[in-house]
C-alpha cells in the first residue's frame, strides 16, 4: 500500500512539473514555482525507490520466518513455543524430522558366528549370498517387504562382542518407526551341497550317528551314515553322506536290514533327492532395533 501511494504521488508530481515547464518559458509563472515543482517530482521518485527497498527488506525478513526441511520425512513436536527467541547458533533444534522411507535396521551378530561363517566360505559347497532380510514385528506379524544388507561394521564392539550389520527396508506406509524392536532373519551363505531329507527317513545308530536307508540299483536297502545337524520344517538338513538321485526309505525302517530286498513305492513327499537345496548358513534371529 505504501509503495502504491508513493507511485501515485510520483506520477502526480511528474505531471505537474511537466505542465509548469512551458508556463515558466512563457513567464506565465515564476521560475521558482517551476523549480519547486521539479524538486518535488524528484523527491517523489526517491520516495518510490525508498519504499520499494523497504518492501524488499520486509520480504527477505519474511523468508527468514520459514525454515525449509533439509530432508523428506515426518516432523515431531516443536521444542519451542511461539514468541521464543531462536538463533542459528543455538544447540537445541526447533524440531526433529525422522526420515521413514527407507528405514534402516541395525542387526547385531556375534563375532564368533561371523568368524565361523568366513572360515566356512568356499568349503563344502558353502558360498556367500546376498540374501533377502525378513522382519517379524513386535506383534508377531511378518513385515510385508524384504530388505537387503547394506554393510557390516569393520569393528567388534568390545562390550558386547558383536558386529553391527545394517539392512535397508522400503517403508512407504510408515509402518516401521525409529526405535522399534523387530526380529530379522536372513541367510549370509548357502550350502549348495546340502539336501532336505524327510525326518521320517532318518534314524540313529547305537553310537548316535544319523543314518538313512537308500535303495540301490538292485532294489536293495543300503545304510548310509549322514551328517544332519539341524532341521528345517519337516526335514533334516543333510550336509554330507548323500548323492543327487539317492532314494530314501521313509517307512518300515524297523523291519529293514542292510542288503535286504525292497520294492520302492514313491510317496507324495518326494523320496528322490533332487538337485541340492539351498541350505541357509549364518542365519540371524534375534531382537533388533530399527533406526
C-alpha atoms as a PDB file:
ATOM      1  CA  UNK A   1       0.000   0.000   0.000  1.00  0.00           C
ATOM      2  CA  UNK A   2       2.809   2.438   0.842  1.00  0.00           C
ATOM      3  CA  UNK A   3       4.527   1.681  -2.470  1.00  0.00           C
ATOM      4  CA  UNK A   4       1.328   2.266  -4.441  1.00  0.00           C
ATOM      5  CA  UNK A   5       0.766   5.584  -2.650  1.00  0.00           C
ATOM      6  CA  UNK A   6       4.335   6.675  -3.378  1.00  0.00           C
ATOM      7  CA  UNK A   7       3.966   5.787  -7.063  1.00  0.00           C
ATOM      8  CA  UNK A   8       0.704   7.742  -7.321  1.00  0.00           C
ATOM      9  CA  UNK A   9       2.320  10.788  -5.729  1.00  0.00           C
ATOM     10  CA  UNK A  10       5.328  10.456  -8.062  1.00  0.00           C
ATOM     11  CA  UNK A  11       3.063  10.385 -11.100  1.00  0.00           C
ATOM     12  CA  UNK A  12       1.126  13.448  -9.953  1.00  0.00           C
ATOM     13  CA  UNK A  13       4.276  15.472  -9.209  1.00  0.00           C
ATOM     14  CA  UNK A  14       5.892  14.488 -12.521  1.00  0.00           C
ATOM     15  CA  UNK A  15       2.819  15.609 -14.490  1.00  0.00           C
ATOM     16  CA  UNK A  16       2.712  18.896 -12.549  1.00  0.00           C
ATOM     17  CA  UNK A  17       6.383  19.610 -13.309  1.00  0.00           C
ATOM     18  CA  UNK A  18       5.818  18.866 -16.999  1.00  0.00           C
ATOM     19  CA  UNK A  19       2.888  21.332 -17.094  1.00  0.00           C
ATOM     20  CA  UNK A  20       4.897  24.050 -15.329  1.00  0.00           C
ATOM     21  CA  UNK A  21       7.739  23.862 -17.857  1.00  0.00           C
ATOM     22  CA  UNK A  22       6.003  25.653 -20.809  1.00  0.00           C
ATOM     23  CA  UNK A  23       4.331  28.094 -18.435  1.00  0.00           C
ATOM     24  CA  UNK A  24       7.702  29.058 -16.999  1.00  0.00           C
ATOM     25  CA  UNK A  25       9.089  29.541 -20.511  1.00  0.00           C
ATOM     26  CA  UNK A  26       6.157  31.866 -21.272  1.00  0.00           C
ATOM     27  CA  UNK A  27       6.763  33.592 -17.949  1.00  0.00           C
ATOM     28  CA  UNK A  28       3.180  32.777 -17.005  1.00  0.00           C
ATOM     29  CA  UNK A  29       4.510  31.514 -13.689  1.00  0.00           C
ATOM     30  CA  UNK A  30       7.620  32.319 -11.804  1.00  0.00           C
ATOM     31  CA  UNK A  31      10.749  30.240 -12.360  1.00  0.00           C
ATOM     32  CA  UNK A  32      10.747  29.486  -8.631  1.00  0.00           C
ATOM     33  CA  UNK A  33       7.393  27.719  -8.885  1.00  0.00           C
ATOM     34  CA  UNK A  34       8.736  25.577 -11.726  1.00  0.00           C
ATOM     35  CA  UNK A  35      11.911  24.801  -9.797  1.00  0.00           C
ATOM     36  CA  UNK A  36       9.865  23.774  -6.758  1.00  0.00           C
ATOM     37  CA  UNK A  37       7.683  21.500  -8.920  1.00  0.00           C
ATOM     38  CA  UNK A  38      10.734  19.754 -10.404  1.00  0.00           C
ATOM     39  CA  UNK A  39      12.257  19.259  -6.936  1.00  0.00           C
ATOM     40  CA  UNK A  40       9.001  17.841  -5.593  1.00  0.00           C
ATOM     41  CA  UNK A  41       8.833  15.403  -8.538  1.00  0.00           C
ATOM     42  CA  UNK A  42      12.363  14.189  -7.844  1.00  0.00           C
ATOM     43  CA  UNK A  43      11.552  13.752  -4.145  1.00  0.00           C
ATOM     44  CA  UNK A  44       8.541  11.643  -5.103  1.00  0.00           C
ATOM     45  CA  UNK A  45      10.772   9.462  -7.314  1.00  0.00           C
ATOM     46  CA  UNK A  46      13.226   8.984  -4.435  1.00  0.00           C
ATOM     47  CA  UNK A  47      10.341   8.123  -2.120  1.00  0.00           C
ATOM     48  CA  UNK A  48       9.243   5.357  -4.523  1.00  0.00           C
ATOM     49  CA  UNK A  49      12.757   3.875  -4.508  1.00  0.00           C
ATOM     50  CA  UNK A  50      12.929   4.061  -0.708  1.00  0.00           C
ATOM     51  CA  UNK A  51       9.541   2.396  -0.296  1.00  0.00           C
ATOM     52  CA  UNK A  52      10.500  -0.355  -2.766  1.00  0.00           C
ATOM     53  CA  UNK A  53      13.714  -1.037  -0.812  1.00  0.00           C
ATOM     54  CA  UNK A  54      11.735  -1.269   2.429  1.00  0.00           C
ATOM     55  CA  UNK A  55       9.352  -3.754   0.785  1.00  0.00           C
ATOM     56  CA  UNK A  56      12.210  -5.955  -0.423  1.00  0.00           C
ATOM     57  CA  UNK A  57      13.747  -5.939   3.064  1.00  0.00           C
ATOM     58  CA  UNK A  58      10.412  -6.977   4.560  1.00  0.00           C
ATOM     59  CA  UNK A  59      10.123  -9.830   2.045  1.00  0.00           C
ATOM     60  CA  UNK A  60      13.607 -11.063   2.957  1.00  0.00           C
ATOM     61  CA  UNK A  61      12.781 -10.949   6.664  1.00  0.00           C
ATOM     62  CA  UNK A  62       9.558 -12.839   5.986  1.00  0.00           C
ATOM     63  CA  UNK A  63      11.506 -15.658   4.324  1.00  0.00           C
ATOM     64  CA  UNK A  64      13.624 -15.972   7.462  1.00  0.00           C
ATOM     65  CA  UNK A  65      10.487 -16.899   9.412  1.00  0.00           C
ATOM     66  CA  UNK A  66      10.139 -20.105   7.336  1.00  0.00           C
ATOM     67  CA  UNK A  67      12.690 -22.885   7.885  1.00  0.00           C
ATOM     68  CA  UNK A  68      12.640 -25.363   4.972  1.00  0.00           C
ATOM     69  CA  UNK A  69      13.169 -29.027   5.862  1.00  0.00           C
ATOM     70  CA  UNK A  70      16.514 -30.367   4.597  1.00  0.00           C
ATOM     71  CA  UNK A  71      15.060 -33.884   4.145  1.00  0.00           C
ATOM     72  CA  UNK A  72      11.705 -35.507   3.453  1.00  0.00           C
ATOM     73  CA  UNK A  73      10.172 -37.169   6.487  1.00  0.00           C
ATOM     74  CA  UNK A  74       7.827 -36.802   9.437  1.00  0.00           C
ATOM     75  CA  UNK A  75       8.307 -33.966  11.911  1.00  0.00           C
ATOM     76  CA  UNK A  76       7.699 -34.361  15.616  1.00  0.00           C
ATOM     77  CA  UNK A  77       6.597 -31.841  18.224  1.00  0.00           C
ATOM     78  CA  UNK A  78       8.276 -28.446  18.339  1.00  0.00           C
ATOM     79  CA  UNK A  79      10.657 -27.840  21.224  1.00  0.00           C
ATOM     80  CA  UNK A  80       9.913 -24.082  21.231  1.00  0.00           C
ATOM     81  CA  UNK A  81       6.745 -22.043  21.679  1.00  0.00           C
ATOM     82  CA  UNK A  82       5.558 -19.084  19.598  1.00  0.00           C
ATOM     83  CA  UNK A  83       7.466 -15.928  20.512  1.00  0.00           C
ATOM     84  CA  UNK A  84      10.544 -17.735  21.836  1.00  0.00           C
ATOM     85  CA  UNK A  85      13.912 -16.300  20.816  1.00  0.00           C
ATOM     86  CA  UNK A  86      15.860 -18.584  18.482  1.00  0.00           C
ATOM     87  CA  UNK A  87      19.131 -18.202  16.619  1.00  0.00           C
ATOM     88  CA  UNK A  88      21.252 -20.064  14.108  1.00  0.00           C
ATOM     89  CA  UNK A  89      23.896 -20.834  16.736  1.00  0.00           C
ATOM     90  CA  UNK A  90      21.620 -22.446  19.333  1.00  0.00           C
ATOM     91  CA  UNK A  91      22.337 -26.064  20.311  1.00  0.00           C
ATOM     92  CA  UNK A  92      18.719 -27.206  20.720  1.00  0.00           C
ATOM     93  CA  UNK A  93      16.848 -27.962  17.460  1.00  0.00           C
ATOM     94  CA  UNK A  94      13.490 -26.374  16.725  1.00  0.00           C
ATOM     95  CA  UNK A  95      12.095 -29.840  15.958  1.00  0.00           C
ATOM     96  CA  UNK A  96      13.263 -33.251  14.800  1.00  0.00           C
ATOM     97  CA  UNK A  97      12.479 -34.742  11.396  1.00  0.00           C
ATOM     98  CA  UNK A  98      12.585 -38.517  11.006  1.00  0.00           C
ATOM     99  CA  UNK A  99      13.125 -39.985   7.574  1.00  0.00           C
ATOM    100  CA  UNK A 100      10.873 -43.053   7.419  1.00  0.00           C
ATOM    101  CA  UNK A 101      11.382 -44.266   3.852  1.00  0.00           C
ATOM    102  CA  UNK A 102      13.652 -46.103   3.508  1.00  0.00           C
ATOM    103  CA  UNK A 103      14.125 -47.473   7.030  1.00  0.00           C
ATOM    104  CA  UNK A 104      17.378 -48.963   8.300  1.00  0.00           C
ATOM    105  CA  UNK A 105      17.522 -51.874  10.747  1.00  0.00           C
ATOM    106  CA  UNK A 106      20.684 -52.493  12.791  1.00  0.00           C
ATOM    107  CA  UNK A 107      21.379 -56.194  13.386  1.00  0.00           C
ATOM    108  CA  UNK A 108      23.847 -57.478  15.971  1.00  0.00           C
ATOM    109  CA  UNK A 109      25.845 -60.588  15.033  1.00  0.00           C
ATOM    110  CA  UNK A 110      28.299 -62.229  17.416  1.00  0.00           C
ATOM    111  CA  UNK A 111      31.913 -62.055  16.336  1.00  0.00           C
ATOM    112  CA  UNK A 112      32.202 -65.829  16.852  1.00  0.00           C
ATOM    113  CA  UNK A 113      29.412 -66.545  14.366  1.00  0.00           C
ATOM    114  CA  UNK A 114      30.942 -64.138  11.873  1.00  0.00           C
ATOM    115  CA  UNK A 115      34.356 -65.791  12.218  1.00  0.00           C
ATOM    116  CA  UNK A 116      32.882 -69.264  11.717  1.00  0.00           C
ATOM    117  CA  UNK A 117      30.973 -68.070   8.661  1.00  0.00           C
ATOM    118  CA  UNK A 118      34.039 -66.572   7.000  1.00  0.00           C
ATOM    119  CA  UNK A 119      36.080 -69.697   7.671  1.00  0.00           C
ATOM    120  CA  UNK A 120      33.409 -71.910   6.129  1.00  0.00           C
ATOM    121  CA  UNK A 121      33.045 -69.888   2.924  1.00  0.00           C
ATOM    122  CA  UNK A 122      34.443 -71.792  -0.034  1.00  0.00           C
ATOM    123  CA  UNK A 123      34.400 -75.102   1.850  1.00  0.00           C
ATOM    124  CA  UNK A 124      31.930 -77.972   1.367  1.00  0.00           C
ATOM    125  CA  UNK A 125      29.902 -76.018  -1.179  1.00  0.00           C
ATOM    126  CA  UNK A 126      29.205 -73.027   1.100  1.00  0.00           C
ATOM    127  CA  UNK A 127      29.106 -69.750  -0.833  1.00  0.00           C
ATOM    128  CA  UNK A 128      28.170 -66.207   0.166  1.00  0.00           C
ATOM    129  CA  UNK A 129      24.817 -64.865  -0.931  1.00  0.00           C
ATOM    130  CA  UNK A 130      23.068 -61.518  -0.971  1.00  0.00           C
ATOM    131  CA  UNK A 131      20.007 -62.916   0.715  1.00  0.00           C
ATOM    132  CA  UNK A 132      16.789 -61.072   1.433  1.00  0.00           C
ATOM    133  CA  UNK A 133      16.194 -59.991   5.020  1.00  0.00           C
ATOM    134  CA  UNK A 134      12.762 -60.605   6.531  1.00  0.00           C
ATOM    135  CA  UNK A 135      11.308 -58.927   9.588  1.00  0.00           C
ATOM    136  CA  UNK A 136       8.908 -60.073  12.280  1.00  0.00           C
ATOM    137  CA  UNK A 137       7.208 -57.157  14.012  1.00  0.00           C
ATOM    138  CA  UNK A 138       6.569 -56.767  17.734  1.00  0.00           C
ATOM    139  CA  UNK A 139       3.044 -58.175  17.413  1.00  0.00           C
ATOM    140  CA  UNK A 140       4.355 -61.339  15.747  1.00  0.00           C
ATOM    141  CA  UNK A 141       3.231 -60.442  12.235  1.00  0.00           C
ATOM    142  CA  UNK A 142       5.532 -60.552   9.225  1.00  0.00           C
ATOM    143  CA  UNK A 143       6.581 -57.290   7.621  1.00  0.00           C
ATOM    144  CA  UNK A 144       5.364 -57.275   4.038  1.00  0.00           C
ATOM    145  CA  UNK A 145       8.552 -56.084   2.320  1.00  0.00           C
ATOM    146  CA  UNK A 146      12.012 -57.629   2.308  1.00  0.00           C
ATOM    147  CA  UNK A 147      15.277 -55.780   2.821  1.00  0.00           C
ATOM    148  CA  UNK A 148      18.920 -56.114   1.882  1.00  0.00           C
ATOM    149  CA  UNK A 149      22.080 -55.888   3.965  1.00  0.00           C
ATOM    150  CA  UNK A 150      23.808 -52.597   3.168  1.00  0.00           C
ATOM    151  CA  UNK A 151      27.044 -53.097   5.072  1.00  0.00           C
ATOM    152  CA  UNK A 152      28.719 -54.662   8.103  1.00  0.00           C
ATOM    153  CA  UNK A 153      30.865 -52.736  10.546  1.00  0.00           C
ATOM    154  CA  UNK A 154      34.601 -53.417  10.416  1.00  0.00           C
ATOM    155  CA  UNK A 155      34.921 -53.219  14.209  1.00  0.00           C
ATOM    156  CA  UNK A 156      33.764 -55.518  17.006  1.00  0.00           C
ATOM    157  CA  UNK A 157      32.023 -53.926  19.976  1.00  0.00           C
ATOM    158  CA  UNK A 158      34.313 -54.774  22.888  1.00  0.00           C
ATOM    159  CA  UNK A 159      31.453 -54.567  25.405  1.00  0.00           C
ATOM    160  CA  UNK A 160      29.017 -56.887  23.612  1.00  0.00           C
ATOM    161  CA  UNK A 161      31.345 -58.898  21.357  1.00  0.00           C
ATOM    162  CA  UNK A 162      29.115 -58.236  18.364  1.00  0.00           C
ATOM    163  CA  UNK A 163      29.379 -56.721  14.899  1.00  0.00           C
ATOM    164  CA  UNK A 164      26.648 -54.414  13.602  1.00  0.00           C
ATOM    165  CA  UNK A 165      25.067 -55.134  10.225  1.00  0.00           C
ATOM    166  CA  UNK A 166      22.660 -52.644   8.678  1.00  0.00           C
ATOM    167  CA  UNK A 167      19.732 -53.678   6.487  1.00  0.00           C
ATOM    168  CA  UNK A 168      17.674 -51.349   4.294  1.00  0.00           C
ATOM    169  CA  UNK A 169      13.883 -51.736   4.013  1.00  0.00           C
ATOM    170  CA  UNK A 170      11.297 -49.863   1.950  1.00  0.00           C
ATOM    171  CA  UNK A 171       8.751 -48.246   4.255  1.00  0.00           C
ATOM    172  CA  UNK A 172       6.243 -46.353   2.074  1.00  0.00           C
ATOM    173  CA  UNK A 173       3.379 -46.712   4.568  1.00  0.00           C
ATOM    174  CA  UNK A 174       5.475 -45.657   7.566  1.00  0.00           C
ATOM    175  CA  UNK A 175       4.772 -48.907   9.415  1.00  0.00           C
ATOM    176  CA  UNK A 176       8.343 -49.119  10.723  1.00  0.00           C
ATOM    177  CA  UNK A 177       9.278 -46.394  13.198  1.00  0.00           C
ATOM    178  CA  UNK A 178      12.658 -45.401  14.658  1.00  0.00           C
ATOM    179  CA  UNK A 179      13.365 -47.205  17.927  1.00  0.00           C
ATOM    180  CA  UNK A 180      11.032 -50.114  17.164  1.00  0.00           C
ATOM    181  CA  UNK A 181      12.306 -53.610  18.030  1.00  0.00           C
ATOM    182  CA  UNK A 182      11.879 -56.314  15.396  1.00  0.00           C
ATOM    183  CA  UNK A 183      13.243 -59.773  14.588  1.00  0.00           C
ATOM    184  CA  UNK A 184      15.409 -60.084  11.491  1.00  0.00           C
ATOM    185  CA  UNK A 185      16.044 -63.338   9.639  1.00  0.00           C
ATOM    186  CA  UNK A 186      18.352 -63.795   6.695  1.00  0.00           C
ATOM    187  CA  UNK A 187      20.976 -66.122   5.240  1.00  0.00           C
ATOM    188  CA  UNK A 188      24.521 -64.901   4.731  1.00  0.00           C
ATOM    189  CA  UNK A 189      25.574 -68.056   2.865  1.00  0.00           C
ATOM    190  CA  UNK A 190      24.075 -71.132   1.256  1.00  0.00           C
ATOM    191  CA  UNK A 191      25.311 -74.719   1.157  1.00  0.00           C
ATOM    192  CA  UNK A 192      25.000 -75.851  -2.439  1.00  0.00           C
ATOM    193  CA  UNK A 193      25.703 -79.479  -1.487  1.00  0.00           C
ATOM    194  CA  UNK A 194      23.030 -79.800   1.200  1.00  0.00           C
ATOM    195  CA  UNK A 195      19.840 -81.867   0.914  1.00  0.00           C
ATOM    196  CA  UNK A 196      16.477 -81.751   2.664  1.00  0.00           C
ATOM    197  CA  UNK A 197      15.546 -85.255   3.844  1.00  0.00           C
ATOM    198  CA  UNK A 198      12.169 -86.110   5.462  1.00  0.00           C
ATOM    199  CA  UNK A 199      12.606 -86.642   9.193  1.00  0.00           C
ATOM    200  CA  UNK A 200      10.797 -89.980   8.944  1.00  0.00           C
ATOM    201  CA  UNK A 201      13.660 -91.336   6.853  1.00  0.00           C
ATOM    202  CA  UNK A 202      16.441 -90.512   9.343  1.00  0.00           C
ATOM    203  CA  UNK A 203      17.324 -92.756  12.275  1.00  0.00           C
ATOM    204  CA  UNK A 204      20.190 -93.060  14.768  1.00  0.00           C
ATOM    205  CA  UNK A 205      22.536 -95.986  15.323  1.00  0.00           C
ATOM    206  CA  UNK A 206      23.847 -97.201  18.681  1.00  0.00           C
ATOM    207  CA  UNK A 207      26.523 -94.510  18.675  1.00  0.00           C
ATOM    208  CA  UNK A 208      24.047 -91.751  17.933  1.00  0.00           C
ATOM    209  CA  UNK A 209      25.116 -91.274  14.325  1.00  0.00           C
ATOM    210  CA  UNK A 210      22.433 -90.232  11.861  1.00  0.00           C
ATOM    211  CA  UNK A 211      21.731 -92.860   9.194  1.00  0.00           C
ATOM    212  CA  UNK A 212      19.361 -93.413   6.288  1.00  0.00           C
ATOM    213  CA  UNK A 213      18.481 -96.364   4.097  1.00  0.00           C
ATOM    214  CA  UNK A 214      18.720 -95.769   0.367  1.00  0.00           C
ATOM    215  CA  UNK A 215      17.622 -98.041  -2.461  1.00  0.00           C
ATOM    216  CA  UNK A 216      20.450 -99.098  -4.769  1.00  0.00           C
ATOM    217  CA  UNK A 217      20.243-100.078  -8.421  1.00  0.00           C
ATOM    218  CA  UNK A 218      19.346-103.678  -7.440  1.00  0.00           C
ATOM    219  CA  UNK A 219      16.457-102.536  -5.223  1.00  0.00           C
ATOM    220  CA  UNK A 220      18.333-103.442  -2.068  1.00  0.00           C
ATOM    221  CA  UNK A 221      18.469-101.357   1.119  1.00  0.00           C
ATOM    222  CA  UNK A 222      21.864 -99.793   1.749  1.00  0.00           C
ATOM    223  CA  UNK A 223      22.546 -97.991   5.022  1.00  0.00           C
ATOM    224  CA  UNK A 224      24.449 -94.714   4.823  1.00  0.00           C
ATOM    225  CA  UNK A 225      25.799 -92.501   7.549  1.00  0.00           C
ATOM    226  CA  UNK A 226      24.899 -88.878   7.077  1.00  0.00           C
ATOM    227  CA  UNK A 227      25.587 -85.579   8.757  1.00  0.00           C
ATOM    228  CA  UNK A 228      22.346 -83.939   9.851  1.00  0.00           C
ATOM    229  CA  UNK A 229      22.905 -81.162  12.356  1.00  0.00           C
ATOM    230  CA  UNK A 230      19.592 -79.343  12.242  1.00  0.00           C
ATOM    231  CA  UNK A 231      16.053 -79.390  10.929  1.00  0.00           C
ATOM    232  CA  UNK A 232      14.149 -77.155   8.563  1.00  0.00           C
ATOM    233  CA  UNK A 233      10.428 -77.664   8.905  1.00  0.00           C
ATOM    234  CA  UNK A 234       9.664 -81.380   8.486  1.00  0.00           C
ATOM    235  CA  UNK A 235      13.093 -82.114   7.019  1.00  0.00           C
ATOM    236  CA  UNK A 236      16.626 -82.735   8.201  1.00  0.00           C
ATOM    237  CA  UNK A 237      19.319 -80.607   6.587  1.00  0.00           C
ATOM    238  CA  UNK A 238      21.891 -83.162   5.410  1.00  0.00           C
ATOM    239  CA  UNK A 239      25.289 -81.736   4.531  1.00  0.00           C
ATOM    240  CA  UNK A 240      27.191 -84.954   3.747  1.00  0.00           C
ATOM    241  CA  UNK A 241      26.629 -88.649   3.076  1.00  0.00           C
ATOM    242  CA  UNK A 242      24.122 -88.401   0.204  1.00  0.00           C
ATOM    243  CA  UNK A 243      24.351 -88.005  -3.551  1.00  0.00           C
ATOM    244  CA  UNK A 244      21.900 -86.497  -6.041  1.00  0.00           C
ATOM    245  CA  UNK A 245      19.461 -89.179  -7.165  1.00  0.00           C
ATOM    246  CA  UNK A 246      19.505 -91.233  -3.942  1.00  0.00           C
ATOM    247  CA  UNK A 247      16.118 -92.710  -2.999  1.00  0.00           C
ATOM    248  CA  UNK A 248      15.381 -92.536   0.738  1.00  0.00           C
ATOM    249  CA  UNK A 249      13.286 -95.164   2.534  1.00  0.00           C
ATOM    250  CA  UNK A 250      10.902 -93.398   4.916  1.00  0.00           C
ATOM    251  CA  UNK A 251       8.590 -96.207   6.109  1.00  0.00           C
ATOM    252  CA  UNK A 252       9.148 -99.534   7.853  1.00  0.00           C
ATOM    253  CA  UNK A 253      12.693 -98.735   8.934  1.00  0.00           C
ATOM    254  CA  UNK A 254      12.405-101.053  11.947  1.00  0.00           C
ATOM    255  CA  UNK A 255      11.815-104.019   9.621  1.00  0.00           C
ATOM    256  CA  UNK A 256      14.657-103.306   7.221  1.00  0.00           C
ATOM    257  CA  UNK A 257      18.167-104.745   7.385  1.00  0.00           C
ATOM    258  CA  UNK A 258      21.185-103.911   5.219  1.00  0.00           C
ATOM    259  CA  UNK A 259      21.175-105.567   1.762  1.00  0.00           C
ATOM    260  CA  UNK A 260      17.540-106.582   2.188  1.00  0.00           C
ATOM    261  CA  UNK A 261      15.491-106.522  -0.987  1.00  0.00           C
ATOM    262  CA  UNK A 262      12.805-103.832  -1.137  1.00  0.00           C
ATOM    263  CA  UNK A 263      10.124-102.705  -3.522  1.00  0.00           C
ATOM    264  CA  UNK A 264      10.276 -98.888  -3.686  1.00  0.00           C
ATOM    265  CA  UNK A 265       6.945 -97.079  -3.898  1.00  0.00           C
ATOM    266  CA  UNK A 266       7.003 -93.282  -4.349  1.00  0.00           C
ATOM    267  CA  UNK A 267       5.101 -91.200  -1.795  1.00  0.00           C
ATOM    268  CA  UNK A 268       3.620 -87.726  -2.051  1.00  0.00           C
ATOM    269  CA  UNK A 269       6.669 -86.470  -0.230  1.00  0.00           C
ATOM    270  CA  UNK A 270       9.475 -86.695  -2.775  1.00  0.00           C
ATOM    271  CA  UNK A 271      11.728 -89.623  -1.903  1.00  0.00           C
ATOM    272  CA  UNK A 272      14.212 -88.948  -4.653  1.00  0.00           C
ATOM    273  CA  UNK A 273      16.810 -86.398  -3.701  1.00  0.00           C
ATOM    274  CA  UNK A 274      16.782 -83.743  -6.377  1.00  0.00           C
ATOM    275  CA  UNK A 275      19.442 -81.158  -7.106  1.00  0.00           C
ATOM    276  CA  UNK A 276      20.954 -79.760  -3.897  1.00  0.00           C
ATOM    277  CA  UNK A 277      18.657 -77.438  -1.997  1.00  0.00           C
ATOM    278  CA  UNK A 278      19.822 -74.085  -0.662  1.00  0.00           C
ATOM    279  CA  UNK A 279      20.854 -74.561   2.945  1.00  0.00           C
ATOM    280  CA  UNK A 280      20.840 -71.321   4.893  1.00  0.00           C
ATOM    281  CA  UNK A 281      24.046 -70.774   6.817  1.00  0.00           C
ATOM    282  CA  UNK A 282      24.756 -67.967   9.192  1.00  0.00           C
ATOM    283  CA  UNK A 283      21.101 -67.028   9.666  1.00  0.00           C
ATOM    284  CA  UNK A 284      20.121 -64.431  12.249  1.00  0.00           C
ATOM    285  CA  UNK A 285      17.104 -64.446  14.565  1.00  0.00           C
ATOM    286  CA  UNK A 286      17.271 -62.057  17.477  1.00  0.00           C
ATOM    287  CA  UNK A 287      15.867 -58.784  18.745  1.00  0.00           C
ATOM    288  CA  UNK A 288      16.888 -55.883  16.513  1.00  0.00           C
ATOM    289  CA  UNK A 289      16.353 -52.182  16.694  1.00  0.00           C
ATOM    290  CA  UNK A 290      15.110 -50.139  13.766  1.00  0.00           C
ATOM    291  CA  UNK A 291      16.600 -46.739  13.074  1.00  0.00           C
END
